[in-house]
PDB file of N, CA and C in Angstrom:
ATOM      1  N   MET A   1       1.884   5.952 -13.554  1.00  0.00           N
ATOM      2  CA  MET A   1       0.433   5.842 -13.512  1.00  0.00           C
ATOM      3  C   MET A   1      -0.082   6.684 -12.347  1.00  0.00           C
ATOM      4  N   LYS A   2      -1.092   7.465 -12.597  1.00  0.00           N
ATOM      5  CA  LYS A   2      -1.696   8.279 -11.550  1.00  0.00           C
ATOM      6  C   LYS A   2      -2.414   7.378 -10.548  1.00  0.00           C
ATOM      7  N   PHE A   3      -2.528   7.894  -9.317  1.00  0.00           N
ATOM      8  CA  PHE A   3      -3.144   7.099  -8.259  1.00  0.00           C
ATOM      9  C   PHE A   3      -4.550   6.641  -8.626  1.00  0.00           C
ATOM     10  N   GLU A   4      -5.353   7.538  -9.167  1.00  0.00           N
ATOM     11  CA  GLU A   4      -6.736   7.193  -9.488  1.00  0.00           C
ATOM     12  C   GLU A   4      -6.793   6.032 -10.487  1.00  0.00           C
ATOM     13  N   GLU A   5      -5.925   6.063 -11.485  1.00  0.00           N
ATOM     14  CA  GLU A   5      -5.866   4.975 -12.469  1.00  0.00           C
ATOM     15  C   GLU A   5      -5.399   3.679 -11.817  1.00  0.00           C
ATOM     16  N   PHE A   6      -4.396   3.803 -10.964  1.00  0.00           N
ATOM     17  CA  PHE A   6      -3.859   2.646 -10.250  1.00  0.00           C
ATOM     18  C   PHE A   6      -4.942   2.012  -9.381  1.00  0.00           C
ATOM     19  N   ASN A   7      -5.649   2.839  -8.640  1.00  0.00           N
ATOM     20  CA  ASN A   7      -6.707   2.368  -7.756  1.00  0.00           C
ATOM     21  C   ASN A   7      -7.819   1.680  -8.551  1.00  0.00           C
ATOM     22  N   GLN A   8      -8.193   2.256  -9.685  1.00  0.00           N
ATOM     23  CA  GLN A   8      -9.229   1.652 -10.535  1.00  0.00           C
ATOM     24  C   GLN A   8      -8.778   0.298 -11.078  1.00  0.00           C
ATOM     25  N   LEU A   9      -7.519   0.205 -11.471  1.00  0.00           N
ATOM     26  CA  LEU A   9      -6.981  -1.059 -11.967  1.00  0.00           C
ATOM     27  C   LEU A   9      -7.024  -2.131 -10.884  1.00  0.00           C
ATOM     28  N   ILE A  10      -6.612  -1.776  -9.684  1.00  0.00           N
ATOM     29  CA  ILE A  10      -6.628  -2.724  -8.565  1.00  0.00           C
ATOM     30  C   ILE A  10      -8.064  -3.150  -8.266  1.00  0.00           C
ATOM     31  N   ASP A  11      -8.986  -2.204  -8.243  1.00  0.00           N
ATOM     32  CA  ASP A  11     -10.402  -2.525  -8.008  1.00  0.00           C
ATOM     33  C   ASP A  11     -10.942  -3.467  -9.079  1.00  0.00           C
ATOM     34  N   LYS A  12     -10.655  -3.163 -10.328  1.00  0.00           N
ATOM     35  CA  LYS A  12     -11.148  -3.977 -11.441  1.00  0.00           C
ATOM     36  C   LYS A  12     -10.612  -5.406 -11.354  1.00  0.00           C
ATOM     37  N   LEU A  13      -9.317  -5.540 -11.129  1.00  0.00           N
ATOM     38  CA  LEU A  13      -8.723  -6.876 -11.032  1.00  0.00           C
ATOM     39  C   LEU A  13      -9.245  -7.629  -9.810  1.00  0.00           C
ATOM     40  N   SER A  14      -9.470  -6.923  -8.725  1.00  0.00           N
ATOM     41  CA  SER A  14     -10.015  -7.559  -7.520  1.00  0.00           C
ATOM     42  C   SER A  14     -11.433  -8.062  -7.768  1.00  0.00           C
ATOM     43  N   GLU A  15     -12.236  -7.251  -8.439  1.00  0.00           N
ATOM     44  CA  GLU A  15     -13.603  -7.668  -8.771  1.00  0.00           C
ATOM     45  C   GLU A  15     -13.608  -8.899  -9.666  1.00  0.00           C
ATOM     46  N   GLN A  16     -12.595  -9.010 -10.520  1.00  0.00           N
ATOM     47  CA  GLN A  16     -12.472 -10.161 -11.416  1.00  0.00           C
ATOM     48  C   GLN A  16     -11.754 -11.333 -10.738  1.00  0.00           C
ATOM     49  N   GLU A  17     -11.463 -11.156  -9.446  1.00  0.00           N
ATOM     50  CA  GLU A  17     -10.779 -12.167  -8.640  1.00  0.00           C
ATOM     51  C   GLU A  17      -9.415 -12.554  -9.220  1.00  0.00           C
ATOM     52  N   GLU A  18      -8.738 -11.574  -9.769  1.00  0.00           N
ATOM     53  CA  GLU A  18      -7.386 -11.743 -10.314  1.00  0.00           C
ATOM     54  C   GLU A  18      -6.369 -11.364  -9.229  1.00  0.00           C
ATOM     55  N   TYR A  19      -6.432 -12.069  -8.107  1.00  0.00           N
ATOM     56  CA  TYR A  19      -5.651 -11.690  -6.938  1.00  0.00           C
ATOM     57  C   TYR A  19      -4.146 -11.824  -7.143  1.00  0.00           C
ATOM     58  N   GLU A  20      -3.710 -12.799  -7.914  1.00  0.00           N
ATOM     59  CA  GLU A  20      -2.276 -12.939  -8.177  1.00  0.00           C
ATOM     60  C   GLU A  20      -1.752 -11.746  -8.970  1.00  0.00           C
ATOM     61  N   LYS A  21      -2.536 -11.273  -9.924  1.00  0.00           N
ATOM     62  CA  LYS A  21      -2.144 -10.083 -10.694  1.00  0.00           C
ATOM     63  C   LYS A  21      -2.094  -8.857  -9.791  1.00  0.00           C
ATOM     64  N   VAL A  22      -3.076  -8.745  -8.905  1.00  0.00           N
ATOM     65  CA  VAL A  22      -3.100  -7.625  -7.962  1.00  0.00           C
ATOM     66  C   VAL A  22      -1.831  -7.645  -7.117  1.00  0.00           C
ATOM     67  N   ASP A  23      -1.505  -8.806  -6.566  1.00  0.00           N
ATOM     68  CA  ASP A  23      -0.297  -8.926  -5.744  1.00  0.00           C
ATOM     69  C   ASP A  23       0.950  -8.547  -6.531  1.00  0.00           C
ATOM     70  N   GLU A  24       1.032  -9.019  -7.750  1.00  0.00           N
ATOM     71  CA  GLU A  24       2.192  -8.733  -8.597  1.00  0.00           C
ATOM     72  C   GLU A  24       2.321  -7.230  -8.866  1.00  0.00           C
ATOM     73  N   ILE A  25       1.217  -6.592  -9.198  1.00  0.00           N
ATOM     74  CA  ILE A  25       1.230  -5.147  -9.464  1.00  0.00           C
ATOM     75  C   ILE A  25       1.619  -4.372  -8.210  1.00  0.00           C
ATOM     76  N   LEU A  26       1.026  -4.731  -7.081  1.00  0.00           N
ATOM     77  CA  LEU A  26       1.332  -4.036  -5.835  1.00  0.00           C
ATOM     78  C   LEU A  26       2.807  -4.182  -5.480  1.00  0.00           C
ATOM     79  N   ASP A  27       3.354  -5.382  -5.650  1.00  0.00           N
ATOM     80  CA  ASP A  27       4.779  -5.610  -5.379  1.00  0.00           C
ATOM     81  C   ASP A  27       5.655  -4.787  -6.313  1.00  0.00           C
ATOM     82  N   ASP A  28       5.326  -4.817  -7.584  1.00  0.00           N
ATOM     83  CA  ASP A  28       6.152  -4.162  -8.602  1.00  0.00           C
ATOM     84  C   ASP A  28       6.148  -2.639  -8.501  1.00  0.00           C
ATOM     85  N   GLN A  29       5.119  -2.063  -7.929  1.00  0.00           N
ATOM     86  CA  GLN A  29       4.991  -0.603  -7.920  1.00  0.00           C
ATOM     87  C   GLN A  29       5.651   0.089  -6.734  1.00  0.00           C
ATOM     88  N   ILE A  30       6.092  -0.660  -5.751  1.00  0.00           N
ATOM     89  CA  ILE A  30       6.653  -0.039  -4.543  1.00  0.00           C
ATOM     90  C   ILE A  30       7.806   0.907  -4.877  1.00  0.00           C
ATOM     91  N   ASP A  31       8.742   0.469  -5.701  1.00  0.00           N
ATOM     92  CA  ASP A  31       9.894   1.315  -6.020  1.00  0.00           C
ATOM     93  C   ASP A  31       9.499   2.563  -6.804  1.00  0.00           C
ATOM     94  N   GLU A  32       8.434   2.478  -7.579  1.00  0.00           N
ATOM     95  CA  GLU A  32       7.948   3.658  -8.306  1.00  0.00           C
ATOM     96  C   GLU A  32       7.202   4.607  -7.368  1.00  0.00           C
ATOM     97  N   ILE A  33       6.421   4.043  -6.475  1.00  0.00           N
ATOM     98  CA  ILE A  33       5.647   4.858  -5.531  1.00  0.00           C
ATOM     99  C   ILE A  33       6.578   5.684  -4.656  1.00  0.00           C
ATOM    100  N   ILE A  34       7.655   5.074  -4.223  1.00  0.00           N
ATOM    101  CA  ILE A  34       8.559   5.729  -3.291  1.00  0.00           C
ATOM    102  C   ILE A  34       9.230   6.963  -3.908  1.00  0.00           C
ATOM    103  N   LYS A  35       9.198   7.077  -5.219  1.00  0.00           N
ATOM    104  CA  LYS A  35       9.780   8.234  -5.912  1.00  0.00           C
ATOM    105  C   LYS A  35       8.850   9.450  -5.896  1.00  0.00           C
ATOM    106  N   LEU A  36       7.601   9.236  -5.518  1.00  0.00           N
ATOM    107  CA  LEU A  36       6.599  10.308  -5.532  1.00  0.00           C
ATOM    108  C   LEU A  36       6.761  11.227  -4.328  1.00  0.00           C
ATOM    109  N   ASP A  37       6.016  12.328  -4.316  1.00  0.00           N
ATOM    110  CA  ASP A  37       6.065  13.215  -3.155  1.00  0.00           C
ATOM    111  C   ASP A  37       5.234  12.624  -2.013  1.00  0.00           C
ATOM    112  N   SER A  38       5.401  13.193  -0.845  1.00  0.00           N
ATOM    113  CA  SER A  38       4.782  12.660   0.375  1.00  0.00           C
ATOM    114  C   SER A  38       3.267  12.539   0.290  1.00  0.00           C
ATOM    115  N   LYS A  39       2.618  13.531  -0.293  1.00  0.00           N
ATOM    116  CA  LYS A  39       1.150  13.495  -0.387  1.00  0.00           C
ATOM    117  C   LYS A  39       0.678  12.330  -1.247  1.00  0.00           C
ATOM    118  N   GLU A  40       1.368  12.089  -2.345  1.00  0.00           N
ATOM    119  CA  GLU A  40       1.007  10.965  -3.216  1.00  0.00           C
ATOM    120  C   GLU A  40       1.303   9.636  -2.527  1.00  0.00           C
ATOM    121  N   ILE A  41       2.437   9.553  -1.862  1.00  0.00           N
ATOM    122  CA  ILE A  41       2.794   8.321  -1.155  1.00  0.00           C
ATOM    123  C   ILE A  41       1.734   7.996  -0.114  1.00  0.00           C
ATOM    124  N   GLU A  42       1.226   9.009   0.554  1.00  0.00           N
ATOM    125  CA  GLU A  42       0.198   8.787   1.573  1.00  0.00           C
ATOM    126  C   GLU A  42      -1.038   8.108   0.977  1.00  0.00           C
ATOM    127  N   LYS A  43      -1.440   8.495  -0.226  1.00  0.00           N
ATOM    128  CA  LYS A  43      -2.589   7.858  -0.884  1.00  0.00           C
ATOM    129  C   LYS A  43      -2.335   6.368  -1.090  1.00  0.00           C
ATOM    130  N   TYR A  44      -1.134   6.052  -1.530  1.00  0.00           N
ATOM    131  CA  TYR A  44      -0.785   4.649  -1.768  1.00  0.00           C
ATOM    132  C   TYR A  44      -0.695   3.875  -0.452  1.00  0.00           C
ATOM    133  N   LEU A  45      -0.161   4.510   0.581  1.00  0.00           N
ATOM    134  CA  LEU A  45      -0.097   3.846   1.883  1.00  0.00           C
ATOM    135  C   LEU A  45      -1.492   3.510   2.394  1.00  0.00           C
ATOM    136  N   ILE A  46      -2.421   4.416   2.212  1.00  0.00           N
ATOM    137  CA  ILE A  46      -3.803   4.155   2.624  1.00  0.00           C
ATOM    138  C   ILE A  46      -4.361   2.971   1.841  1.00  0.00           C
ATOM    139  N   LEU A  47      -4.120   2.943   0.544  1.00  0.00           N
ATOM    140  CA  LEU A  47      -4.588   1.828  -0.282  1.00  0.00           C
ATOM    141  C   LEU A  47      -3.936   0.519   0.152  1.00  0.00           C
ATOM    142  N   TYR A  48      -2.621   0.512   0.266  1.00  0.00           N
ATOM    143  CA  TYR A  48      -1.912  -0.708   0.646  1.00  0.00           C
ATOM    144  C   TYR A  48      -2.363  -1.193   2.025  1.00  0.00           C
ATOM    145  N   ALA A  49      -2.561  -0.276   2.962  1.00  0.00           N
ATOM    146  CA  ALA A  49      -3.022  -0.658   4.298  1.00  0.00           C
ATOM    147  C   ALA A  49      -4.423  -1.252   4.234  1.00  0.00           C
ATOM    148  N   SER A  50      -5.297  -0.651   3.442  1.00  0.00           N
ATOM    149  CA  SER A  50      -6.678  -1.139   3.363  1.00  0.00           C
ATOM    150  C   SER A  50      -6.762  -2.510   2.695  1.00  0.00           C
ATOM    151  N   LEU A  51      -5.754  -2.863   1.911  1.00  0.00           N
ATOM    152  CA  LEU A  51      -5.715  -4.173   1.254  1.00  0.00           C
ATOM    153  C   LEU A  51      -4.970  -5.217   2.076  1.00  0.00           C
ATOM    154  N   ALA A  52      -4.370  -4.807   3.167  1.00  0.00           N
ATOM    155  CA  ALA A  52      -3.533  -5.705   3.966  1.00  0.00           C
ATOM    156  C   ALA A  52      -4.382  -6.579   4.878  1.00  0.00           C
ATOM    157  N   GLY A  53      -4.879  -7.671   4.307  1.00  0.00           N
ATOM    158  CA  GLY A  53      -5.727  -8.581   5.060  1.00  0.00           C
ATOM    159  C   GLY A  53      -5.073  -9.909   5.391  1.00  0.00           C
ATOM    160  N   ASP A  54      -3.861 -10.126   4.891  1.00  0.00           N
ATOM    161  CA  ASP A  54      -3.126 -11.355   5.199  1.00  0.00           C
ATOM    162  C   ASP A  54      -1.662 -10.998   5.425  1.00  0.00           C
ATOM    163  N   THR A  55      -0.874 -11.973   5.820  1.00  0.00           N
ATOM    164  CA  THR A  55       0.515 -11.678   6.166  1.00  0.00           C
ATOM    165  C   THR A  55       1.320 -11.165   4.975  1.00  0.00           C
ATOM    166  N   GLU A  56       1.056 -11.687   3.792  1.00  0.00           N
ATOM    167  CA  GLU A  56       1.792 -11.254   2.601  1.00  0.00           C
ATOM    168  C   GLU A  56       1.494  -9.792   2.266  1.00  0.00           C
ATOM    169  N   SER A  57       0.229  -9.431   2.270  1.00  0.00           N
ATOM    170  CA  SER A  57      -0.125  -8.050   1.934  1.00  0.00           C
ATOM    171  C   SER A  57       0.255  -7.085   3.058  1.00  0.00           C
ATOM    172  N   LEU A  58       0.233  -7.561   4.292  1.00  0.00           N
ATOM    173  CA  LEU A  58       0.676  -6.726   5.408  1.00  0.00           C
ATOM    174  C   LEU A  58       2.180  -6.465   5.299  1.00  0.00           C
ATOM    175  N   ALA A  59       2.940  -7.485   4.926  1.00  0.00           N
ATOM    176  CA  ALA A  59       4.386  -7.315   4.721  1.00  0.00           C
ATOM    177  C   ALA A  59       4.656  -6.319   3.593  1.00  0.00           C
ATOM    178  N   ARG A  60       3.841  -6.366   2.562  1.00  0.00           N
ATOM    179  CA  ARG A  60       3.980  -5.434   1.436  1.00  0.00           C
ATOM    180  C   ARG A  60       3.737  -3.996   1.908  1.00  0.00           C
ATOM    181  N   PHE A  61       2.703  -3.808   2.711  1.00  0.00           N
ATOM    182  CA  PHE A  61       2.427  -2.484   3.266  1.00  0.00           C
ATOM    183  C   PHE A  61       3.619  -1.993   4.084  1.00  0.00           C
ATOM    184  N   TYR A  62       4.139  -2.844   4.979  1.00  0.00           N
ATOM    185  CA  TYR A  62       5.277  -2.444   5.813  1.00  0.00           C
ATOM    186  C   TYR A  62       6.509  -2.134   4.969  1.00  0.00           C
ATOM    187  N   LYS A  63       6.709  -2.856   3.891  1.00  0.00           N
ATOM    188  CA  LYS A  63       7.844  -2.584   3.003  1.00  0.00           C
ATOM    189  C   LYS A  63       7.731  -1.169   2.433  1.00  0.00           C
ATOM    190  N   LEU A  64       6.555  -0.822   1.928  1.00  0.00           N
ATOM    191  CA  LEU A  64       6.334   0.520   1.393  1.00  0.00           C
ATOM    192  C   LEU A  64       6.476   1.567   2.496  1.00  0.00           C
ATOM    193  N   PHE A  65       5.856   1.319   3.630  1.00  0.00           N
ATOM    194  CA  PHE A  65       5.906   2.272   4.738  1.00  0.00           C
ATOM    195  C   PHE A  65       7.346   2.507   5.192  1.00  0.00           C
ATOM    196  N   ASN A  66       8.092   1.426   5.403  1.00  0.00           N
ATOM    197  CA  ASN A  66       9.466   1.547   5.894  1.00  0.00           C
ATOM    198  C   ASN A  66      10.374   2.258   4.896  1.00  0.00           C
ATOM    199  N   LYS A  67      10.171   2.014   3.610  1.00  0.00           N
ATOM    200  CA  LYS A  67      10.960   2.734   2.603  1.00  0.00           C
ATOM    201  C   LYS A  67      10.637   4.227   2.650  1.00  0.00           C
ATOM    202  N   ALA A  68       9.362   4.554   2.791  1.00  0.00           N
ATOM    203  CA  ALA A  68       8.957   5.963   2.856  1.00  0.00           C
ATOM    204  C   ALA A  68       9.548   6.639   4.091  1.00  0.00           C
ATOM    205  N   VAL A  69       9.563   5.927   5.208  1.00  0.00           N
ATOM    206  CA  VAL A  69      10.145   6.471   6.437  1.00  0.00           C
ATOM    207  C   VAL A  69      11.649   6.671   6.259  1.00  0.00           C
ATOM    208  N   SER A  70      12.328   5.674   5.699  1.00  0.00           N
ATOM    209  CA  SER A  70      13.787   5.766   5.554  1.00  0.00           C
ATOM    210  C   SER A  70      14.206   6.908   4.630  1.00  0.00           C
ATOM    211  N   LEU A  71      13.342   7.284   3.704  1.00  0.00           N
ATOM    212  CA  LEU A  71      13.633   8.405   2.808  1.00  0.00           C
ATOM    213  C   LEU A  71      13.125   9.743   3.352  1.00  0.00           C
ATOM    214  N   GLY A  72      12.532   9.705   4.554  1.00  0.00           N
ATOM    215  CA  GLY A  72      12.056  10.928   5.182  1.00  0.00           C
ATOM    216  C   GLY A  72      10.778  11.490   4.576  1.00  0.00           C
ATOM    217  N   LYS A  73      10.036  10.654   3.880  1.00  0.00           N
ATOM    218  CA  LYS A  73       8.810  11.130   3.228  1.00  0.00           C
ATOM    219  C   LYS A  73       7.573  10.947   4.108  1.00  0.00           C
ATOM    220  N   ILE A  74       7.664  10.064   5.070  1.00  0.00           N
ATOM    221  CA  ILE A  74       6.572   9.770   6.003  1.00  0.00           C
ATOM    222  C   ILE A  74       7.201   9.643   7.393  1.00  0.00           C
ATOM    223  N   LYS A  75       6.459  10.006   8.421  1.00  0.00           N
ATOM    224  CA  LYS A  75       6.957   9.891   9.796  1.00  0.00           C
ATOM    225  C   LYS A  75       6.619   8.513  10.367  1.00  0.00           C
ATOM    226  N   GLN A  76       7.545   7.960  11.108  1.00  0.00           N
ATOM    227  CA  GLN A  76       7.333   6.666  11.765  1.00  0.00           C
ATOM    228  C   GLN A  76       6.111   6.726  12.680  1.00  0.00           C
ATOM    229  N   THR A  77       5.873   7.879  13.267  1.00  0.00           N
ATOM    230  CA  THR A  77       4.749   8.037  14.192  1.00  0.00           C
ATOM    231  C   THR A  77       3.390   7.920  13.504  1.00  0.00           C
ATOM    232  N   ASP A  78       3.369   7.944  12.172  1.00  0.00           N
ATOM    233  CA  ASP A  78       2.114   7.802  11.425  1.00  0.00           C
ATOM    234  C   ASP A  78       1.678   6.346  11.266  1.00  0.00           C
ATOM    235  N   LEU A  79       2.510   5.414  11.685  1.00  0.00           N
ATOM    236  CA  LEU A  79       2.230   3.995  11.462  1.00  0.00           C
ATOM    237  C   LEU A  79       0.857   3.582  11.984  1.00  0.00           C
ATOM    238  N   LYS A  80       0.525   3.973  13.189  1.00  0.00           N
ATOM    239  CA  LYS A  80      -0.744   3.563  13.803  1.00  0.00           C
ATOM    240  C   LYS A  80      -1.941   3.986  12.946  1.00  0.00           C
ATOM    241  N   LYS A  81      -1.859   5.179  12.372  1.00  0.00           N
ATOM    242  CA  LYS A  81      -2.943   5.698  11.523  1.00  0.00           C
ATOM    243  C   LYS A  81      -3.225   4.736  10.371  1.00  0.00           C
ATOM    244  N   TYR A  82      -2.179   4.211   9.774  1.00  0.00           N
ATOM    245  CA  TYR A  82      -2.338   3.288   8.648  1.00  0.00           C
ATOM    246  C   TYR A  82      -2.734   1.890   9.118  1.00  0.00           C
ATOM    247  N   GLU A  83      -2.144   1.451  10.218  1.00  0.00           N
ATOM    248  CA  GLU A  83      -2.478   0.116  10.731  1.00  0.00           C
ATOM    249  C   GLU A  83      -3.964  -0.004  11.051  1.00  0.00           C
ATOM    250  N   GLU A  84      -4.564   1.066  11.497  1.00  0.00           N
ATOM    251  CA  GLU A  84      -5.992   1.041  11.826  1.00  0.00           C
ATOM    252  C   GLU A  84      -6.863   0.788  10.601  1.00  0.00           C
ATOM    253  N   LEU A  85      -6.352   1.068   9.411  1.00  0.00           N
ATOM    254  CA  LEU A  85      -7.096   0.845   8.166  1.00  0.00           C
ATOM    255  C   LEU A  85      -7.021  -0.599   7.683  1.00  0.00           C
ATOM    256  N   SER A  86      -6.083  -1.334   8.208  1.00  0.00           N
ATOM    257  CA  SER A  86      -5.807  -2.679   7.721  1.00  0.00           C
ATOM    258  C   SER A  86      -6.779  -3.711   8.283  1.00  0.00           C
ATOM    259  N   PRO A  87      -7.340  -4.550   7.394  1.00  0.00           N
ATOM    260  CA  PRO A  87      -8.166  -5.655   7.887  1.00  0.00           C
ATOM    261  C   PRO A  87      -7.364  -6.601   8.780  1.00  0.00           C
ATOM    262  N   ALA A  88      -6.058  -6.600   8.622  1.00  0.00           N
ATOM    263  CA  ALA A  88      -5.200  -7.465   9.432  1.00  0.00           C
ATOM    264  C   ALA A  88      -4.960  -6.886  10.822  1.00  0.00           C
ATOM    265  N   ASN A  89      -5.481  -5.694  11.109  1.00  0.00           N
ATOM    266  CA  ASN A  89      -5.193  -5.072  12.394  1.00  0.00           C
ATOM    267  C   ASN A  89      -5.763  -5.854  13.565  1.00  0.00           C
ATOM    268  N   ARG A  90      -6.611  -6.784  13.280  1.00  0.00           N
ATOM    269  CA  ARG A  90      -7.110  -7.638  14.366  1.00  0.00           C
ATOM    270  C   ARG A  90      -5.978  -8.474  14.958  1.00  0.00           C
ATOM    271  N   TRP A  91      -4.869  -8.597  14.218  1.00  0.00           N
ATOM    272  CA  TRP A  91      -3.707  -9.342  14.714  1.00  0.00           C
ATOM    273  C   TRP A  91      -2.699  -8.430  15.396  1.00  0.00           C
ATOM    274  N   LEU A  92      -2.801  -7.123  15.162  1.00  0.00           N
ATOM    275  CA  LEU A  92      -1.773  -6.192  15.650  1.00  0.00           C
ATOM    276  C   LEU A  92      -1.997  -5.817  17.097  1.00  0.00           C
TER     277      LEU A  92
END
């Protein structure tokens, strides 16, 4: 699924307050996202970070970020850039 379609699906489900479905989709897509190139992964990291408003979603963001770092697709030094987008950053 292209990022734009993915983002629209997440927005639509969020507007319908289908938060469990959103969580399930976000969890299930991590392994697929990590197969993409760095530029595409960055789009997803921004989305995941912007949705990280609780401990569960923040953990999901870190899971995606850490996998991307371990595969050399994203630099560890970029973490702060993404954390600043997170509603949970008030805890960081």
